[in-house]
Protein backbone atom coordinates (compact mmCIF):
# COMPACT_ATOMS: atom_id res chain seq x y z
CA MET A 1 220.59 148.49 39.50
CA LEU A 2 224.09 147.65 40.71
CA LYS A 3 222.66 146.23 43.89
CA LYS A 4 220.46 143.79 41.95
CA VAL A 5 223.44 142.63 39.88
CA LEU A 6 225.48 141.96 43.03
CA ILE A 7 222.63 139.98 44.62
CA TYR A 8 222.19 137.90 41.44
CA ALA A 9 225.93 137.22 41.21
CA SER A 10 226.20 136.19 44.86
CA THR A 11 223.23 133.83 44.43
CA VAL A 12 224.84 132.15 41.41
CA VAL A 13 228.13 131.76 43.25
CA ALA A 14 226.34 130.21 46.27
CA LEU A 15 224.50 127.71 44.08
CA ALA A 16 227.73 126.79 42.32
CA VAL A 17 229.41 126.18 45.69
CA VAL A 18 226.51 123.96 46.80
CA VAL A 19 226.54 121.95 43.56
CA LEU A 20 230.30 121.45 43.69
CA SER A 21 230.06 120.36 47.32
CA LEU A 22 227.41 117.77 46.45
CA VAL A 23 229.55 116.50 43.55
CA PHE A 24 232.59 116.03 45.77
CA ILE A 25 230.49 114.29 48.47
CA LYS A 26 228.90 111.85 46.02
CA LYS A 27 232.24 111.19 44.36
CA GLY A 28 233.66 110.21 47.71
CA GLN A 29 230.69 107.95 48.46
CA PHE A 30 230.98 106.19 45.10
CA ALA A 31 234.68 105.71 45.60
CA ALA A 32 234.04 104.16 49.00
CA MET A 33 231.42 101.84 47.54
CA GLY A 34 233.80 100.79 44.79
CA ALA A 35 236.49 100.01 47.31
CA ALA A 36 234.12 97.85 49.38
CA VAL A 37 234.09 94.03 48.63
CA PHE A 38 230.63 92.51 48.11
CA VAL A 39 230.60 88.87 49.09
CA PRO A 40 227.36 87.10 48.09
CA PRO A 41 226.07 84.51 50.57
CA PRO A 42 226.87 80.86 49.70
CA GLU A 43 224.26 78.93 47.73
CA THR A 44 222.65 76.02 49.61
CA VAL A 45 222.97 72.74 47.67
CA THR A 46 222.83 68.99 48.18
CA ASP A 47 225.73 66.75 47.28
CA ALA A 48 226.69 63.16 46.57
CA THR A 49 230.00 61.32 46.46
CA VAL A 50 231.11 59.58 43.28
CA THR A 51 231.14 55.85 43.99
CA GLU A 52 232.14 52.72 42.12
CA ASP A 53 229.50 50.05 41.67
CA ALA A 54 229.14 46.81 39.73
CA TRP A 55 225.85 46.94 37.89
CA GLU A 56 224.14 43.97 36.36
CA ASN A 57 224.34 44.08 32.59
CA LEU A 58 220.67 44.08 31.61
CA LEU A 59 218.57 44.59 28.52
CA VAL A 60 215.15 45.83 29.63
CA ALA A 61 211.98 45.65 27.55
CA ASN A 62 208.22 45.54 27.93
CA GLY A 63 206.73 42.09 27.49
CA SER A 64 203.32 40.54 27.03
CA ILE A 65 202.35 37.21 28.60
CA ALA A 66 201.16 34.54 26.17
CA PRO A 67 200.16 30.89 26.67
CA VAL A 68 202.25 27.98 25.47
CA GLN A 69 198.93 26.66 24.15
CA GLY A 70 195.72 28.64 24.06
CA VAL A 71 192.49 28.21 22.14
CA MET A 72 188.85 29.22 22.15
CA ILE A 73 186.97 25.93 22.05
CA GLY A 74 183.95 26.05 19.77
CA ALA A 75 181.31 23.83 18.24
CA GLU A 76 182.56 22.04 15.14
CA VAL A 77 179.01 21.09 14.10
CA PRO A 78 175.65 22.64 15.01
CA GLY A 79 173.51 21.09 17.70
CA LYS A 80 171.58 21.48 20.95
CA VAL A 81 173.50 21.46 24.24
CA VAL A 82 172.28 18.55 26.36
CA GLY A 83 175.20 18.23 28.80
CA ILE A 84 177.78 20.58 30.33
CA HIS A 85 180.54 18.78 32.22
CA PHE A 86 182.85 21.59 33.39
CA GLU A 87 182.91 24.61 35.67
CA SER A 88 184.27 28.02 34.73
CA GLY A 89 187.93 28.41 35.74
CA ALA A 90 188.47 24.70 36.32
CA SER A 91 191.65 22.83 35.40
CA VAL A 92 191.06 19.93 33.00
CA ALA A 93 193.12 17.08 31.58
CA ALA A 94 193.62 16.45 27.89
CA GLY A 95 190.58 14.68 26.42
CA ALA A 96 188.22 15.68 29.24
CA LEU A 97 184.56 15.85 28.14
CA LEU A 98 183.32 19.43 28.25
CA VAL A 99 180.01 19.65 26.38
CA GLU A 100 177.59 17.13 24.86
CA LEU A 101 175.28 18.00 21.98
CA ASP A 102 172.06 16.15 21.11
CA VAL A 103 172.82 13.07 18.96
CA SER A 104 169.38 11.38 18.91
CA THR A 105 168.95 11.88 15.16
CA GLU A 106 172.49 10.70 14.36
CA THR A 107 172.04 7.65 16.61
CA ALA A 108 168.98 6.57 14.66
CA GLN A 109 170.78 7.18 11.38
CA LEU A 110 173.71 5.13 12.64
CA ARG A 111 171.51 2.09 13.37
CA ALA A 112 170.19 2.18 9.81
CA ALA A 113 173.67 2.63 8.38
CA GLU A 114 175.02 -0.23 10.47
CA ALA A 115 172.20 -2.49 9.23
CA LEU A 116 173.03 -1.63 5.62
CA ALA A 117 176.72 -2.20 6.29
CA GLU A 118 175.97 -5.61 7.79
CA LEU A 119 173.80 -6.54 4.80
CA ALA A 120 176.52 -5.40 2.39
CA LYS A 121 179.03 -7.48 4.32
CA LEU A 122 176.83 -10.60 3.98
CA ASN A 123 176.33 -9.96 0.27
CA LEU A 124 180.08 -9.71 -0.14
CA ALA A 125 180.56 -13.06 1.60
CA ARG A 126 177.97 -14.75 -0.70
CA ALA A 127 179.57 -13.17 -3.76
CA ARG A 128 182.93 -14.61 -2.76
CA GLU A 129 181.38 -18.10 -2.32
CA LEU A 130 179.67 -17.88 -5.69
CA ARG A 131 182.82 -16.69 -7.32
CA ALA A 132 184.72 -19.59 -5.80
CA ASN A 133 182.15 -21.93 -7.42
CA GLY A 134 182.31 -20.04 -10.70
CA THR A 135 178.62 -19.15 -10.67
CA ASN A 136 179.10 -15.36 -10.84
CA SER A 137 181.44 -13.00 -12.60
CA SER A 138 184.38 -11.03 -11.28
CA ALA A 139 182.33 -7.87 -11.87
CA ASP A 140 179.66 -9.14 -9.47
CA LEU A 141 182.30 -9.72 -6.79
CA ASP A 142 183.83 -6.29 -7.33
CA LEU A 143 180.40 -4.65 -7.07
CA ALA A 144 179.61 -6.42 -3.80
CA ASP A 145 183.01 -5.45 -2.39
CA ALA A 146 182.48 -1.78 -3.31
CA GLN A 147 178.97 -1.74 -1.83
CA SER A 148 180.28 -3.25 1.44
CA LYS A 149 183.00 -0.62 1.70
CA GLN A 150 180.57 2.17 0.86
CA ALA A 151 178.11 1.04 3.53
CA ALA A 152 180.90 0.78 6.14
CA ALA A 153 182.14 4.29 5.20
CA ALA A 154 178.61 5.71 5.57
CA ALA A 155 178.40 4.26 9.09
CA ASP A 156 181.83 5.61 9.96
CA ASN A 157 180.78 9.05 8.73
CA ILE A 158 177.81 9.09 11.10
CA ARG A 159 179.99 7.89 13.97
CA ALA A 160 182.42 10.77 13.26
CA GLY A 161 179.53 13.22 13.37
CA ILE A 162 178.42 11.82 16.71
CA ALA A 163 181.98 12.06 18.07
CA LYS A 164 182.15 15.74 17.07
CA LYS A 165 179.10 16.40 19.23
CA SER A 166 181.08 15.32 22.30
CA ILE A 167 183.34 18.36 22.70
CA ARG A 168 186.55 17.55 24.58
CA ALA A 169 189.62 19.46 25.80
CA PRO A 170 192.37 19.20 23.15
CA PHE A 171 195.10 19.61 25.80
CA ALA A 172 195.48 20.00 29.55
CA GLY A 173 195.00 23.52 30.92
CA ARG A 174 192.73 25.94 32.70
CA LEU A 175 189.29 26.85 31.39
CA GLY A 176 187.91 30.36 31.14
CA ILE A 177 184.35 31.60 31.61
CA ARG A 178 181.59 29.39 30.23
CA LEU A 179 179.83 30.98 27.24
CA VAL A 180 176.99 28.45 26.67
CA GLN A 181 173.90 27.32 28.55
CA LEU A 182 172.07 24.01 28.78
CA GLY A 183 169.52 23.73 25.96
CA GLN A 184 171.24 26.35 23.81
CA ILE A 185 171.35 25.75 20.05
CA LEU A 186 174.94 26.14 18.86
CA LYS A 187 176.01 27.13 15.36
CA ASP A 188 179.14 26.04 13.52
CA GLY A 189 182.19 27.56 15.23
CA GLU A 190 180.24 29.18 18.07
CA ALA A 191 182.48 29.78 21.12
CA ILE A 192 182.02 27.60 24.19
CA VAL A 193 184.94 28.33 26.54
CA SER A 194 188.60 29.35 26.35
CA LEU A 195 191.36 26.91 27.33
CA GLN A 196 194.87 28.07 28.28
CA THR A 197 198.01 26.28 29.38
CA VAL A 198 199.20 28.18 32.46
CA ASP A 199 202.38 26.30 33.40
CA PRO A 200 204.77 26.96 31.78
CA ILE A 201 203.93 30.29 30.16
CA TYR A 202 205.57 32.59 27.60
CA SER A 203 206.53 36.24 27.61
CA ASN A 204 206.97 37.84 24.20
CA PHE A 205 208.98 41.06 23.84
CA THR A 206 211.12 42.96 21.33
CA LEU A 207 214.62 44.43 21.48
CA PRO A 208 216.50 46.74 19.07
CA GLN A 209 218.53 44.96 16.41
CA GLN A 210 221.88 46.22 17.79
CA PHE A 211 221.47 43.86 20.74
CA LEU A 212 220.92 40.77 18.59
CA SER A 213 224.55 39.64 18.93
CA SER A 214 224.17 39.67 22.73
CA LEU A 215 221.08 37.43 22.71
CA ALA A 216 221.14 33.64 22.78
CA VAL A 217 218.72 30.86 23.57
CA GLY A 218 219.23 30.00 27.23
CA ASN A 219 219.94 33.56 28.46
CA ASP A 220 218.48 34.14 31.93
CA VAL A 221 215.48 36.47 32.04
CA ARG A 222 213.67 38.17 34.92
CA LEU A 223 210.06 39.29 34.76
CA THR A 224 208.22 41.70 37.07
CA THR A 225 204.61 42.83 36.87
CA ASP A 226 202.39 45.10 38.93
CA ALA A 227 199.94 42.19 39.20
CA ALA A 228 202.46 40.48 41.53
CA PRO A 229 204.15 43.37 43.39
CA GLY A 230 207.46 42.55 45.01
CA GLN A 231 207.82 39.25 43.16
CA THR A 232 210.31 38.41 40.42
CA PHE A 233 209.81 35.51 38.02
CA ALA A 234 212.87 33.73 36.63
CA GLY A 235 212.92 32.27 33.14
CA LYS A 236 215.06 31.70 30.07
CA ILE A 237 215.01 32.76 26.44
CA THR A 238 213.61 29.86 24.44
CA ALA A 239 213.19 31.39 20.97
CA ILE A 240 214.55 34.30 18.91
CA ALA A 241 212.78 35.22 15.69
CA PRO A 242 214.91 34.70 12.57
CA GLU A 243 213.74 37.98 11.01
CA ILE A 244 213.98 41.67 11.96
CA ASP A 245 210.87 43.83 11.78
CA ALA A 246 211.38 46.03 8.71
CA VAL A 247 209.46 48.94 10.26
CA THR A 248 210.77 49.07 13.84
CA ARG A 249 214.12 47.27 13.27
CA ASN A 250 213.39 45.20 16.37
CA VAL A 251 213.82 41.47 16.88
CA ARG A 252 211.09 39.40 18.57
CA VAL A 253 212.17 37.29 21.52
CA GLN A 254 210.28 34.68 23.54
CA ALA A 255 211.09 33.64 27.11
CA THR A 256 209.54 30.78 29.08
CA PHE A 257 208.66 30.98 32.78
CA ALA A 258 207.49 28.43 35.32
CA ASN A 259 204.02 29.38 36.56
CA ALA A 260 202.91 26.70 38.98
CA ASP A 261 200.89 29.13 41.12
CA ALA A 262 199.29 30.74 38.00
CA LYS A 263 200.18 34.28 39.02
CA LEU A 264 201.05 35.08 35.39
CA ARG A 265 198.04 35.22 33.09
CA THR A 266 197.66 35.45 29.34
CA GLY A 267 197.57 39.04 28.09
CA MET A 268 199.28 40.44 31.19
CA PHE A 269 201.84 43.23 30.81
CA GLY A 270 205.27 42.95 32.46
CA SER A 271 208.81 44.32 32.47
CA VAL A 272 211.40 41.87 31.16
CA ALA A 273 215.14 42.09 31.90
CA VAL A 274 217.59 39.92 29.98
CA LEU A 275 220.75 39.20 32.01
CA LEU A 276 223.99 39.54 30.06
CA PRO A 277 227.59 38.85 31.20
CA ALA A 278 228.88 41.44 33.71
CA THR A 279 230.98 44.30 32.34
CA GLY A 280 232.87 45.26 35.54
CA LYS A 281 232.51 48.22 37.89
CA SER A 282 231.48 51.72 36.87
CA LEU A 283 231.58 55.18 38.44
CA VAL A 284 228.02 56.23 39.25
CA ILE A 285 226.36 59.51 40.24
CA PRO A 286 222.71 60.59 40.66
CA SER A 287 221.20 61.68 37.37
CA THR A 288 220.08 64.98 38.94
CA ALA A 289 223.74 66.04 39.18
CA ILE A 290 224.10 66.24 35.39
CA LEU A 291 223.68 69.56 33.59
CA SER A 292 222.85 68.76 29.98
CA ALA A 293 223.65 71.26 27.24
CA PRO A 294 224.15 71.17 23.46
CA TYR A 295 227.93 71.31 23.92
CA GLY A 296 228.07 68.40 26.37
CA ASP A 297 227.12 67.08 29.80
CA SER A 298 228.76 68.51 32.91
CA VAL A 299 228.61 68.42 36.70
CA PHE A 300 229.66 70.85 39.43
CA VAL A 301 232.44 69.41 41.59
CA ILE A 302 232.71 70.72 45.16
CA SER A 303 236.17 71.62 46.48
CA GLU A 304 237.31 73.23 49.74
CA GLY A 305 239.83 76.05 50.12
CA LYS A 306 240.52 79.50 51.56
CA ASN A 307 238.95 82.66 50.21
CA ALA A 308 241.72 84.85 48.75
CA LYS A 309 240.09 88.05 50.04
CA THR A 310 238.62 87.06 53.39
CA GLY A 311 241.01 84.21 54.27
CA GLU A 312 238.11 82.07 55.48
CA THR A 313 237.69 78.38 54.59
CA GLU A 314 234.83 77.85 52.15
CA LYS A 315 233.42 75.34 49.69
CA THR A 316 233.37 76.37 46.05
CA ILE A 317 232.36 74.66 42.84
CA ARG A 318 233.96 74.10 39.47
CA GLN A 319 232.28 72.89 36.30
CA GLN A 320 233.55 69.53 35.04
CA PHE A 321 232.57 68.08 31.67
CA ILE A 322 231.92 64.34 31.68
CA ARG A 323 231.01 61.49 29.34
CA THR A 324 228.08 59.38 30.52
CA GLY A 325 227.24 55.71 29.98
CA ALA A 326 224.23 53.58 30.86
CA ALA A 327 221.47 54.78 33.18
CA ARG A 328 219.85 52.66 35.87
CA GLY A 329 217.04 53.98 38.04
CA ASP A 330 218.11 57.33 39.55
CA PHE A 331 221.79 56.77 38.67
CA VAL A 332 223.97 57.32 35.61
CA ALA A 333 227.34 55.70 34.91
CA VAL A 334 230.24 58.07 34.21
CA VAL A 335 232.74 56.93 31.59
CA SER A 336 235.24 59.78 32.02
CA GLY A 337 235.69 63.14 33.76
CA LEU A 338 235.37 62.11 37.43
CA LYS A 339 237.10 59.88 39.95
CA VAL A 340 236.00 57.96 43.02
CA GLY A 341 235.48 60.25 46.01
CA ASP A 342 234.66 63.43 44.10
CA GLN A 343 231.76 65.41 45.57
CA VAL A 344 229.22 66.67 43.07
CA VAL A 345 226.20 68.95 43.45
CA THR A 346 222.97 66.98 42.98
CA THR A 347 220.21 69.63 43.00
CA GLY A 348 219.73 73.04 41.45
CA VAL A 349 222.65 72.74 39.03
CA PHE A 350 220.90 74.96 36.47
CA LYS A 351 221.26 78.05 38.74
CA LEU A 352 224.97 77.59 39.56
CA ARG A 353 228.08 79.03 37.94
CA PRO A 354 231.75 78.13 38.33
CA GLY A 355 233.51 79.62 41.35
CA MET A 356 230.39 80.12 43.46
CA ALA A 357 230.55 79.46 47.19
CA VAL A 358 228.14 76.78 48.35
CA LYS A 359 226.78 75.42 51.59
CA ILE A 360 225.84 71.73 51.78
CA ASP A 361 222.51 70.75 53.34
CA ASN A 362 221.28 67.22 52.65
CA ALA A 363 218.43 67.29 55.15
CA LEU A 364 215.74 67.32 52.43
CA ALA A 365 217.74 65.62 49.69
CA PRO A 366 215.76 62.83 47.92
CA LYS A 367 217.43 59.42 48.13
CA ALA A 368 218.56 58.05 44.78
CA GLN A 369 217.61 54.40 44.14
CA LEU A 370 218.46 51.82 41.52
CA ALA A 371 214.80 50.75 41.34
CA PRO A 372 212.75 53.79 42.31
CA LYS A 373 209.03 53.42 42.88
CA PRO A 374 206.58 56.23 43.63
CA ASP A 375 204.94 56.06 47.04
CA ASN A 376 201.48 55.85 45.49
CA SER A 377 202.34 53.10 43.00
């Protein structure tokens, strides 16, 4: 029995020695790990230098092209088309004959009306002679005069009806697609062809009411449209609406552009930029450098110095809060918080934190542009 107790006691002592040994070994390992300095690898970023640039002071809006004069020419009176004197898309002068309607019935009626008018005119002349001789009354003369005028008016009415059946261009411009055929019976108001003035031409657009004080008739305007890629059209503001839209609080503006080559067409969409007086130079950075948050906008500024622990030269970042101004293309103006020459991180700012070491690699950095355009546009 004593032997068993001794064996049990020696086993417990041996296990305790083993456990204590393991505790001391692990304690030493943890202490060594705690004493070691873990230096994370630097984060790879792209950068840009804060520059000073003089931007044009522009007000940009979307505009719609409209004609100075534009109308859908239609039939004022019904009739059968007996003559078409234009081609679709042709340019015509004011008063040019476009369509003739059948006037055979009106012509016959006019001959009868002219005969009655001539008879009434002769009767009026006889009544005046008789009145001069005192052989008729003043009432007879007045009746003959009224009948003569009535007959002349009836003839004029028929002539006006005949004139309306010769449909002419009300102003010079370019015609659209022909909508009638020879022999077609037209109704009152039925469309024949559209007519648009193409040079000059308008662009109508709206701007928020806070810019009204900056607008004036005569301001220079530039227009671009995807229908004429690479081309800019120069014009001027020619009208500003006297009222503000009560729903949108926008003011309607109209600009006029020369359009001799007819590249601008009615109904076309375009981007309009109103040129305002220059406001001086501004500090600009790529918009991708800005980290937006509820408490303000900030950027990460890159600085170079020695690591306090390793003594090696490295680039680190610090977070700098800024106040931004206008945006243009891929750039944003900085009102305060930076100075010319500062280097800022331009990509991946959401994963950075102040004091991190960074490595700059601009090999794949996208190039910021004032007027960016996708490659497939």
